[in-house]
């Protein structure tokens, strides 16, 4: 073999070695990225987040469940001058409780907590949950009086509405 014929043969192993140094991030369904060598925790976290967003945006309407939420409110504890006003306020409060439940299912719950320890004894332990989000397309399934003094409201967001909202999100991204 001549020198000109050996050059391509020497370049091929060098390219293969350099290519092996790179760690590709392949986002495949159901495959965990935790076993990928050479990635830092931050890179793994970012890759997992990207994978989760990708899975949500690539989901089909058949795989998306209908979301249901239930809210309750007591009539006697509502403000109002008459019993009818209190009943309407209870229905409104139950609807808002159901909306909050839907927002938690869609957007998640942020939990803040604080613990104070003095002399190895817990002095104060507080926590709170915060739900923030926009709910669109929720439909009232039923409004029921449960007992003499309580109302129950069931809301739902069906597959078609979720698919529409996801299509809108895909267009923005």
N, C-alpha and C. Protein backbone atom coordinates (compact mmCIF):
# COMPACT_ATOMS: atom_id res chain seq x y z
N UNK A 1 0.84 -1.18 0.00
CA UNK A 1 0.00 0.00 0.00
C UNK A 1 0.88 1.24 0.00
N UNK A 2 0.39 2.25 -0.66
CA UNK A 2 1.14 3.50 -0.74
C UNK A 2 0.71 4.42 0.38
N UNK A 3 1.48 5.50 0.56
CA UNK A 3 1.16 6.47 1.61
C UNK A 3 -0.20 7.12 1.37
N UNK A 4 -0.55 7.40 0.14
CA UNK A 4 -1.83 8.04 -0.14
C UNK A 4 -3.00 7.11 0.18
N UNK A 5 -2.80 5.80 0.09
CA UNK A 5 -3.86 4.85 0.44
C UNK A 5 -3.99 4.68 1.95
N UNK A 6 -2.93 4.91 2.70
CA UNK A 6 -2.94 4.75 4.15
C UNK A 6 -3.59 5.94 4.86
N UNK A 7 -3.56 7.10 4.25
CA UNK A 7 -4.11 8.31 4.90
C UNK A 7 -5.58 8.15 5.27
N UNK A 8 -6.46 7.72 4.37
CA UNK A 8 -7.86 7.55 4.76
C UNK A 8 -8.04 6.49 5.84
N UNK A 9 -7.19 5.47 5.82
CA UNK A 9 -7.30 4.43 6.85
C UNK A 9 -6.88 4.94 8.23
N UNK A 10 -5.97 5.88 8.29
CA UNK A 10 -5.55 6.46 9.56
C UNK A 10 -6.55 7.48 10.07
N UNK A 11 -7.21 8.17 9.18
CA UNK A 11 -8.18 9.20 9.58
C UNK A 11 -9.43 8.55 10.17
N UNK A 12 -9.83 7.42 9.65
CA UNK A 12 -11.04 6.74 10.11
C UNK A 12 -11.00 6.40 11.60
N UNK A 13 -9.92 5.81 12.15
CA UNK A 13 -9.90 5.55 13.60
C UNK A 13 -9.88 6.82 14.44
N UNK A 14 -9.22 7.88 13.94
CA UNK A 14 -9.18 9.13 14.68
C UNK A 14 -10.58 9.73 14.78
N UNK A 15 -11.34 9.71 13.69
CA UNK A 15 -12.72 10.23 13.69
C UNK A 15 -13.58 9.39 14.63
N UNK A 16 -13.39 8.09 14.60
CA UNK A 16 -14.18 7.21 15.49
C UNK A 16 -13.87 7.50 16.95
N UNK A 17 -12.61 7.71 17.29
CA UNK A 17 -12.24 8.02 18.67
C UNK A 17 -12.80 9.36 19.11
N UNK A 18 -12.72 10.37 18.27
CA UNK A 18 -13.26 11.68 18.62
C UNK A 18 -14.78 11.64 18.74
N UNK A 19 -15.42 10.88 17.89
CA UNK A 19 -16.87 10.76 17.95
C UNK A 19 -17.33 10.07 19.22
N UNK A 20 -16.52 9.16 19.74
CA UNK A 20 -16.87 8.45 20.96
C UNK A 20 -16.76 9.34 22.19
N UNK A 21 -16.03 10.46 22.08
CA UNK A 21 -15.88 11.37 23.22
C UNK A 21 -17.13 12.16 23.49
N UNK A 22 -17.98 12.33 22.50
CA UNK A 22 -19.20 13.09 22.68
C UNK A 22 -20.27 12.19 23.25
N UNK A 23 -21.10 12.74 24.17
CA UNK A 23 -22.18 11.97 24.77
C UNK A 23 -23.48 12.52 24.20
N UNK A 24 -24.08 11.81 23.25
CA UNK A 24 -25.33 12.31 22.69
C UNK A 24 -26.48 12.11 23.67
N UNK A 25 -27.40 13.04 23.70
CA UNK A 25 -28.59 12.93 24.53
C UNK A 25 -29.72 12.51 23.61
N UNK A 26 -30.12 11.26 23.74
CA UNK A 26 -31.18 10.73 22.91
C UNK A 26 -32.42 10.64 23.79
N UNK A 27 -33.47 11.34 23.39
CA UNK A 27 -34.70 11.35 24.16
C UNK A 27 -35.62 10.28 23.61
N UNK A 28 -35.56 9.10 24.19
CA UNK A 28 -36.41 8.02 23.73
C UNK A 28 -37.45 7.74 24.79
N UNK A 29 -38.58 7.24 24.33
CA UNK A 29 -39.68 6.97 25.24
C UNK A 29 -39.34 5.86 26.20
N UNK A 30 -39.58 6.10 27.49
CA UNK A 30 -39.40 5.08 28.50
C UNK A 30 -37.96 4.82 28.90
N UNK A 31 -36.99 5.51 28.31
CA UNK A 31 -35.58 5.27 28.62
C UNK A 31 -35.09 6.34 29.59
N UNK A 32 -34.46 5.93 30.66
CA UNK A 32 -33.94 6.86 31.64
C UNK A 32 -32.57 7.36 31.21
N UNK A 33 -32.29 8.60 31.52
CA UNK A 33 -31.01 9.19 31.19
C UNK A 33 -30.02 9.13 32.35
N UNK A 34 -30.41 8.52 33.47
CA UNK A 34 -29.55 8.53 34.65
C UNK A 34 -28.29 7.69 34.46
N UNK A 35 -28.29 6.74 33.53
CA UNK A 35 -27.13 5.89 33.32
C UNK A 35 -26.20 6.43 32.25
N UNK A 36 -26.46 7.64 31.74
CA UNK A 36 -25.63 8.21 30.69
C UNK A 36 -24.32 8.69 31.30
N UNK A 37 -23.18 8.14 30.85
CA UNK A 37 -21.90 8.54 31.44
C UNK A 37 -21.47 9.92 30.97
N UNK A 38 -20.76 10.63 31.83
CA UNK A 38 -20.19 11.92 31.45
C UNK A 38 -21.11 13.11 31.59
N UNK A 39 -22.34 12.91 32.03
CA UNK A 39 -23.27 14.03 32.18
C UNK A 39 -23.33 14.46 33.64
N UNK A 40 -23.34 15.77 33.86
CA UNK A 40 -23.47 16.28 35.22
C UNK A 40 -24.92 16.18 35.66
N UNK A 41 -25.15 16.38 36.94
CA UNK A 41 -26.52 16.32 37.47
C UNK A 41 -27.40 17.39 36.82
N UNK A 42 -26.85 18.59 36.60
CA UNK A 42 -27.59 19.67 35.97
C UNK A 42 -27.98 19.29 34.55
N UNK A 43 -27.04 18.72 33.80
CA UNK A 43 -27.34 18.31 32.43
C UNK A 43 -28.39 17.20 32.41
N UNK A 44 -28.29 16.26 33.35
CA UNK A 44 -29.29 15.20 33.44
C UNK A 44 -30.67 15.77 33.76
N UNK A 45 -30.70 16.72 34.71
CA UNK A 45 -31.96 17.34 35.09
C UNK A 45 -32.59 18.08 33.91
N UNK A 46 -31.76 18.83 33.19
CA UNK A 46 -32.27 19.58 32.04
C UNK A 46 -32.73 18.63 30.94
N UNK A 47 -32.00 17.55 30.72
CA UNK A 47 -32.40 16.58 29.70
C UNK A 47 -33.70 15.89 30.08
N UNK A 48 -33.85 15.53 31.36
CA UNK A 48 -35.10 14.91 31.81
C UNK A 48 -36.28 15.87 31.67
N UNK A 49 -36.07 17.15 32.00
CA UNK A 49 -37.14 18.15 31.84
C UNK A 49 -37.52 18.30 30.39
N UNK A 50 -36.54 18.36 29.52
CA UNK A 50 -36.80 18.47 28.08
C UNK A 50 -37.55 17.25 27.59
N UNK A 51 -37.18 16.08 28.09
CA UNK A 51 -37.85 14.85 27.71
C UNK A 51 -39.32 14.88 28.16
N UNK A 52 -39.56 15.35 29.38
CA UNK A 52 -40.94 15.41 29.90
C UNK A 52 -41.79 16.37 29.08
N UNK A 53 -41.25 17.54 28.75
CA UNK A 53 -42.00 18.51 27.94
C UNK A 53 -42.26 17.92 26.56
N UNK A 54 -41.27 17.26 25.99
CA UNK A 54 -41.42 16.64 24.68
C UNK A 54 -42.51 15.58 24.70
N UNK A 55 -42.55 14.76 25.74
CA UNK A 55 -43.57 13.72 25.84
C UNK A 55 -44.97 14.32 25.95
N UNK A 56 -45.10 15.41 26.70
CA UNK A 56 -46.41 16.04 26.85
C UNK A 56 -46.87 16.64 25.53
N UNK A 57 -45.97 17.36 24.87
CA UNK A 57 -46.36 18.01 23.62
C UNK A 57 -46.55 17.02 22.48
N UNK A 58 -45.92 15.85 22.56
CA UNK A 58 -46.07 14.86 21.50
C UNK A 58 -47.20 13.87 21.77
N UNK A 59 -47.89 14.02 22.90
CA UNK A 59 -48.94 13.07 23.27
C UNK A 59 -50.12 13.16 22.31
N UNK A 60 -50.76 12.06 22.11
CA UNK A 60 -51.96 11.99 21.27
C UNK A 60 -53.18 12.15 22.17
N UNK A 61 -54.29 12.57 21.57
CA UNK A 61 -55.52 12.80 22.34
C UNK A 61 -56.02 11.52 23.00
N UNK A 62 -55.72 10.34 22.42
CA UNK A 62 -56.18 9.08 23.00
C UNK A 62 -55.46 8.77 24.31
N UNK A 63 -54.23 9.26 24.48
CA UNK A 63 -53.49 8.96 25.69
C UNK A 63 -53.74 9.97 26.80
N UNK A 64 -54.46 11.03 26.50
CA UNK A 64 -54.72 12.07 27.49
C UNK A 64 -56.05 11.76 28.18
N UNK A 65 -56.04 11.67 29.50
CA UNK A 65 -57.30 11.36 30.20
C UNK A 65 -58.19 12.59 30.32
N UNK A 66 -59.45 12.36 30.57
CA UNK A 66 -60.35 13.45 30.93
C UNK A 66 -60.07 13.79 32.39
N UNK A 67 -59.86 15.06 32.68
CA UNK A 67 -59.55 15.48 34.04
C UNK A 67 -60.85 15.85 34.75
N UNK A 68 -61.04 15.33 35.95
CA UNK A 68 -62.21 15.62 36.76
C UNK A 68 -61.77 16.25 38.07
N UNK A 69 -62.60 17.14 38.59
CA UNK A 69 -62.32 17.76 39.88
C UNK A 69 -63.63 17.99 40.62
N UNK A 70 -63.58 17.84 41.94
CA UNK A 70 -64.75 18.01 42.78
C UNK A 70 -64.47 19.11 43.79
N UNK A 71 -65.45 19.98 44.01
CA UNK A 71 -65.34 21.03 45.01
C UNK A 71 -66.55 21.01 45.93
N UNK A 72 -66.32 21.32 47.20
CA UNK A 72 -67.39 21.34 48.21
C UNK A 72 -67.41 22.68 48.91
N UNK A 73 -68.59 23.10 49.35
CA UNK A 73 -68.72 24.31 50.16
C UNK A 73 -69.95 24.20 51.05
N UNK A 74 -69.85 24.79 52.23
CA UNK A 74 -70.93 24.77 53.22
C UNK A 74 -71.76 26.05 53.07
N UNK A 75 -73.07 25.92 53.04
CA UNK A 75 -73.98 27.06 52.83
C UNK A 75 -73.97 27.99 54.04
N UNK A 76 -74.06 27.45 55.24
CA UNK A 76 -74.24 28.29 56.44
C UNK A 76 -73.03 29.19 56.71
N UNK A 77 -71.85 28.84 56.22
CA UNK A 77 -70.66 29.66 56.49
C UNK A 77 -70.45 30.75 55.44
N UNK A 78 -71.32 30.85 54.46
CA UNK A 78 -71.17 31.85 53.39
C UNK A 78 -71.77 33.19 53.80
N UNK A 79 -71.18 34.29 53.29
CA UNK A 79 -71.78 35.61 53.56
C UNK A 79 -73.03 35.79 52.71
N UNK A 80 -73.97 36.53 53.22
CA UNK A 80 -75.19 36.81 52.47
C UNK A 80 -76.32 37.17 53.41
N UNK A 81 -77.30 37.93 52.89
CA UNK A 81 -78.43 38.37 53.72
C UNK A 81 -79.54 37.33 53.77
N UNK A 82 -79.70 36.61 52.69
CA UNK A 82 -80.78 35.62 52.66
C UNK A 82 -80.20 34.22 52.45
N UNK A 83 -81.04 33.23 52.64
CA UNK A 83 -80.62 31.85 52.44
C UNK A 83 -80.29 31.59 50.97
N UNK A 84 -81.01 32.22 50.05
CA UNK A 84 -80.75 32.06 48.62
C UNK A 84 -79.37 32.63 48.24
N UNK A 85 -79.02 33.79 48.80
CA UNK A 85 -77.70 34.37 48.54
C UNK A 85 -76.60 33.46 49.07
N UNK A 86 -76.78 32.93 50.26
CA UNK A 86 -75.78 32.03 50.84
C UNK A 86 -75.63 30.76 50.00
N UNK A 87 -76.75 30.25 49.48
CA UNK A 87 -76.70 29.07 48.64
C UNK A 87 -75.93 29.35 47.35
N UNK A 88 -76.17 30.50 46.72
CA UNK A 88 -75.44 30.88 45.51
C UNK A 88 -73.95 31.08 45.78
N UNK A 89 -73.62 31.66 46.93
CA UNK A 89 -72.21 31.85 47.29
C UNK A 89 -71.53 30.50 47.56
N UNK A 90 -72.28 29.55 48.13
CA UNK A 90 -71.72 28.21 48.37
C UNK A 90 -71.44 27.51 47.04
N UNK A 91 -72.33 27.67 46.08
CA UNK A 91 -72.12 27.07 44.76
C UNK A 91 -70.89 27.69 44.11
N UNK A 92 -70.76 29.00 44.24
CA UNK A 92 -69.59 29.68 43.68
C UNK A 92 -68.29 29.22 44.37
N UNK A 93 -68.32 29.11 45.69
CA UNK A 93 -67.14 28.67 46.44
C UNK A 93 -66.78 27.22 46.07
N UNK A 94 -67.77 26.37 45.89
CA UNK A 94 -67.51 24.98 45.51
C UNK A 94 -66.91 24.92 44.11
N UNK A 95 -67.38 25.78 43.22
CA UNK A 95 -66.83 25.83 41.86
C UNK A 95 -65.36 26.26 41.90
N UNK A 96 -65.03 27.25 42.72
CA UNK A 96 -63.65 27.70 42.83
C UNK A 96 -62.75 26.62 43.45
N UNK A 97 -63.28 25.86 44.39
CA UNK A 97 -62.51 24.76 44.97
C UNK A 97 -62.22 23.69 43.91
N UNK A 98 -63.19 23.42 43.05
CA UNK A 98 -62.98 22.46 41.97
C UNK A 98 -61.98 23.00 40.94
N UNK A 99 -62.06 24.30 40.65
CA UNK A 99 -61.08 24.91 39.73
C UNK A 99 -59.66 24.79 40.30
N UNK A 100 -59.53 25.02 41.60
CA UNK A 100 -58.22 24.89 42.24
C UNK A 100 -57.71 23.46 42.12
N UNK A 101 -58.59 22.49 42.26
CA UNK A 101 -58.21 21.08 42.11
C UNK A 101 -57.76 20.79 40.68
N UNK A 102 -58.45 21.34 39.67
CA UNK A 102 -58.03 21.18 38.28
C UNK A 102 -56.66 21.81 38.05
N UNK A 103 -56.46 23.02 38.58
CA UNK A 103 -55.18 23.71 38.41
C UNK A 103 -54.04 22.90 39.04
N UNK A 104 -54.31 22.27 40.17
CA UNK A 104 -53.29 21.44 40.82
C UNK A 104 -52.96 20.22 39.96
N UNK A 105 -53.97 19.61 39.34
CA UNK A 105 -53.73 18.46 38.48
C UNK A 105 -52.92 18.84 37.24
N UNK A 106 -53.18 20.02 36.69
CA UNK A 106 -52.53 20.44 35.45
C UNK A 106 -51.17 21.06 35.71
N UNK A 107 -51.09 21.99 36.64
CA UNK A 107 -49.87 22.78 36.85
C UNK A 107 -49.01 22.30 38.01
N UNK A 108 -49.57 21.49 38.89
CA UNK A 108 -48.81 21.01 40.04
C UNK A 108 -48.99 21.91 41.25
N UNK A 109 -48.40 21.50 42.34
CA UNK A 109 -48.52 22.19 43.62
C UNK A 109 -47.13 22.58 44.09
N UNK A 110 -46.93 23.87 44.36
CA UNK A 110 -45.66 24.35 44.90
C UNK A 110 -45.81 24.36 46.42
N UNK A 111 -44.86 23.72 47.10
CA UNK A 111 -44.93 23.63 48.55
C UNK A 111 -43.78 24.43 49.14
N UNK A 112 -44.12 25.37 50.02
CA UNK A 112 -43.13 26.14 50.77
C UNK A 112 -43.21 25.68 52.23
N UNK A 113 -42.04 25.50 52.83
CA UNK A 113 -42.06 25.08 54.23
C UNK A 113 -40.91 25.73 54.99
N UNK A 114 -41.10 25.79 56.30
CA UNK A 114 -40.10 26.36 57.18
C UNK A 114 -40.17 25.65 58.52
N UNK A 115 -39.00 25.27 59.03
CA UNK A 115 -38.93 24.61 60.33
C UNK A 115 -37.87 25.31 61.17
N UNK A 116 -38.23 25.66 62.40
CA UNK A 116 -37.29 26.28 63.32
C UNK A 116 -36.97 25.27 64.42
N UNK A 117 -35.66 25.01 64.60
CA UNK A 117 -35.21 24.07 65.62
C UNK A 117 -34.30 24.82 66.59
N UNK A 118 -34.63 24.77 67.88
CA UNK A 118 -33.82 25.39 68.93
C UNK A 118 -33.53 24.32 69.98
N UNK A 119 -32.26 24.17 70.34
CA UNK A 119 -31.84 23.15 71.32
C UNK A 119 -32.34 21.76 70.94
N UNK A 120 -32.23 21.43 69.65
CA UNK A 120 -32.64 20.14 69.10
C UNK A 120 -34.11 19.82 69.31
N UNK A 121 -34.93 20.87 69.47
CA UNK A 121 -36.38 20.69 69.57
C UNK A 121 -37.05 21.57 68.53
N UNK A 122 -38.03 21.03 67.84
CA UNK A 122 -38.76 21.81 66.85
C UNK A 122 -39.62 22.84 67.56
N UNK A 123 -39.39 24.11 67.24
CA UNK A 123 -40.15 25.20 67.85
C UNK A 123 -41.31 25.63 66.97
N UNK A 124 -41.07 25.63 65.66
CA UNK A 124 -42.09 26.10 64.74
C UNK A 124 -41.94 25.31 63.43
N UNK A 125 -43.03 24.78 62.94
CA UNK A 125 -43.02 24.02 61.69
C UNK A 125 -44.22 24.45 60.87
N UNK A 126 -43.97 25.16 59.79
CA UNK A 126 -45.07 25.65 58.96
C UNK A 126 -44.84 25.22 57.51
N UNK A 127 -45.92 25.06 56.80
CA UNK A 127 -45.84 24.81 55.37
C UNK A 127 -47.11 25.32 54.71
N UNK A 128 -47.00 25.59 53.42
CA UNK A 128 -48.18 26.01 52.67
C UNK A 128 -48.02 25.54 51.23
N UNK A 129 -49.14 25.27 50.62
CA UNK A 129 -49.16 24.85 49.23
C UNK A 129 -49.72 25.98 48.37
N UNK A 130 -49.08 26.21 47.23
CA UNK A 130 -49.51 27.28 46.34
C UNK A 130 -49.79 26.68 44.97
N UNK A 131 -50.97 26.96 44.45
CA UNK A 131 -51.35 26.53 43.11
C UNK A 131 -51.54 27.77 42.27
N UNK A 132 -50.82 27.82 41.13
CA UNK A 132 -50.94 28.95 40.22
C UNK A 132 -51.11 28.41 38.82
N UNK A 133 -52.09 28.91 38.11
CA UNK A 133 -52.29 28.47 36.73
C UNK A 133 -53.58 28.99 36.16
N UNK A 134 -53.72 28.83 34.89
CA UNK A 134 -54.92 29.25 34.17
C UNK A 134 -55.69 28.01 33.74
N UNK A 135 -56.98 28.02 33.97
CA UNK A 135 -57.85 26.92 33.57
C UNK A 135 -58.77 27.44 32.47
N UNK A 136 -58.74 26.72 31.34
CA UNK A 136 -59.62 27.07 30.22
C UNK A 136 -60.39 25.83 29.80
N UNK A 137 -61.64 26.04 29.46
CA UNK A 137 -62.43 24.95 28.91
C UNK A 137 -63.02 24.00 29.92
N UNK A 138 -63.04 24.37 31.18
CA UNK A 138 -63.63 23.49 32.20
C UNK A 138 -65.15 23.52 32.05
N UNK A 139 -65.76 22.35 32.11
CA UNK A 139 -67.20 22.22 31.94
C UNK A 139 -67.80 21.71 33.24
N UNK A 140 -68.93 22.30 33.64
CA UNK A 140 -69.63 21.86 34.85
C UNK A 140 -70.40 20.59 34.52
N UNK A 141 -70.09 19.50 35.22
CA UNK A 141 -70.75 18.23 35.00
C UNK A 141 -72.03 18.17 35.83
N UNK A 142 -71.92 18.54 37.11
CA UNK A 142 -73.12 18.53 37.96
C UNK A 142 -72.92 19.43 39.17
N UNK A 143 -74.05 19.91 39.67
CA UNK A 143 -74.12 20.68 40.91
C UNK A 143 -75.13 19.95 41.79
N UNK A 144 -74.67 19.43 42.92
CA UNK A 144 -75.54 18.64 43.80
C UNK A 144 -75.53 19.19 45.21
N UNK A 145 -76.70 19.32 45.82
CA UNK A 145 -76.71 19.55 47.26
C UNK A 145 -76.41 18.21 47.94
N UNK A 146 -75.42 18.19 48.81
CA UNK A 146 -75.09 16.96 49.54
C UNK A 146 -75.39 17.24 51.01
N UNK A 147 -76.42 16.64 51.51
CA UNK A 147 -76.86 16.93 52.86
C UNK A 147 -77.71 18.20 52.86
N UNK A 148 -77.97 18.72 54.03
CA UNK A 148 -78.83 19.89 54.16
C UNK A 148 -78.06 21.19 54.00
N UNK A 149 -76.74 21.16 54.14
CA UNK A 149 -75.99 22.42 54.23
C UNK A 149 -74.73 22.48 53.34
N UNK A 150 -74.58 21.55 52.40
CA UNK A 150 -73.36 21.50 51.60
C UNK A 150 -73.69 21.32 50.13
N UNK A 151 -72.86 21.93 49.28
CA UNK A 151 -72.98 21.75 47.83
C UNK A 151 -71.71 21.12 47.30
N UNK A 152 -71.91 20.29 46.27
CA UNK A 152 -70.81 19.63 45.57
C UNK A 152 -70.89 20.02 44.10
N UNK A 153 -69.74 20.37 43.52
CA UNK A 153 -69.68 20.68 42.09
C UNK A 153 -68.60 19.81 41.48
N UNK A 154 -68.92 19.20 40.33
CA UNK A 154 -67.95 18.39 39.59
C UNK A 154 -67.68 19.10 38.26
N UNK A 155 -66.39 19.36 37.99
CA UNK A 155 -65.96 19.98 36.74
C UNK A 155 -65.11 18.97 35.98
N UNK A 156 -65.02 19.15 34.65
CA UNK A 156 -64.14 18.31 33.87
C UNK A 156 -63.58 19.08 32.68
N UNK A 157 -62.42 18.66 32.25
CA UNK A 157 -61.83 19.12 31.00
C UNK A 157 -61.64 17.86 30.17
N UNK A 158 -62.33 17.78 29.03
CA UNK A 158 -62.29 16.56 28.24
C UNK A 158 -61.07 16.50 27.33
N UNK A 159 -60.88 15.34 26.71
CA UNK A 159 -59.71 15.08 25.87
C UNK A 159 -59.58 16.08 24.72
N UNK A 160 -60.71 16.39 24.09
CA UNK A 160 -60.66 17.27 22.93
C UNK A 160 -60.17 18.66 23.33
N UNK A 161 -60.61 19.16 24.47
CA UNK A 161 -60.17 20.48 24.93
C UNK A 161 -58.69 20.44 25.28
N UNK A 162 -58.25 19.39 25.95
CA UNK A 162 -56.84 19.28 26.29
C UNK A 162 -56.00 19.19 25.02
N UNK A 163 -56.47 18.41 24.03
CA UNK A 163 -55.74 18.31 22.76
C UNK A 163 -55.67 19.67 22.07
N UNK A 164 -56.77 20.43 22.11
CA UNK A 164 -56.78 21.76 21.51
C UNK A 164 -55.78 22.68 22.21
N UNK A 165 -55.77 22.65 23.54
CA UNK A 165 -54.84 23.49 24.30
C UNK A 165 -53.39 23.08 24.03
N UNK A 166 -53.15 21.77 23.90
CA UNK A 166 -51.80 21.31 23.62
C UNK A 166 -51.36 21.71 22.21
N UNK A 167 -52.28 21.65 21.24
CA UNK A 167 -51.96 22.11 19.89
C UNK A 167 -51.62 23.59 19.90
N UNK A 168 -52.36 24.37 20.68
CA UNK A 168 -52.06 25.80 20.79
C UNK A 168 -50.69 26.01 21.41
N UNK A 169 -50.33 25.20 22.41
CA UNK A 169 -49.01 25.32 23.04
C UNK A 169 -47.91 24.94 22.06
N UNK A 170 -48.15 23.93 21.22
CA UNK A 170 -47.16 23.53 20.23
C UNK A 170 -46.88 24.66 19.25
N UNK A 171 -47.91 25.41 18.88
CA UNK A 171 -47.74 26.50 17.92
C UNK A 171 -46.95 27.64 18.52
N UNK A 172 -47.06 27.85 19.83
CA UNK A 172 -46.32 28.91 20.49
C UNK A 172 -44.84 28.55 20.58
N UNK A 173 -44.55 27.28 20.86
CA UNK A 173 -43.16 26.83 21.02
C UNK A 173 -42.58 26.60 19.70
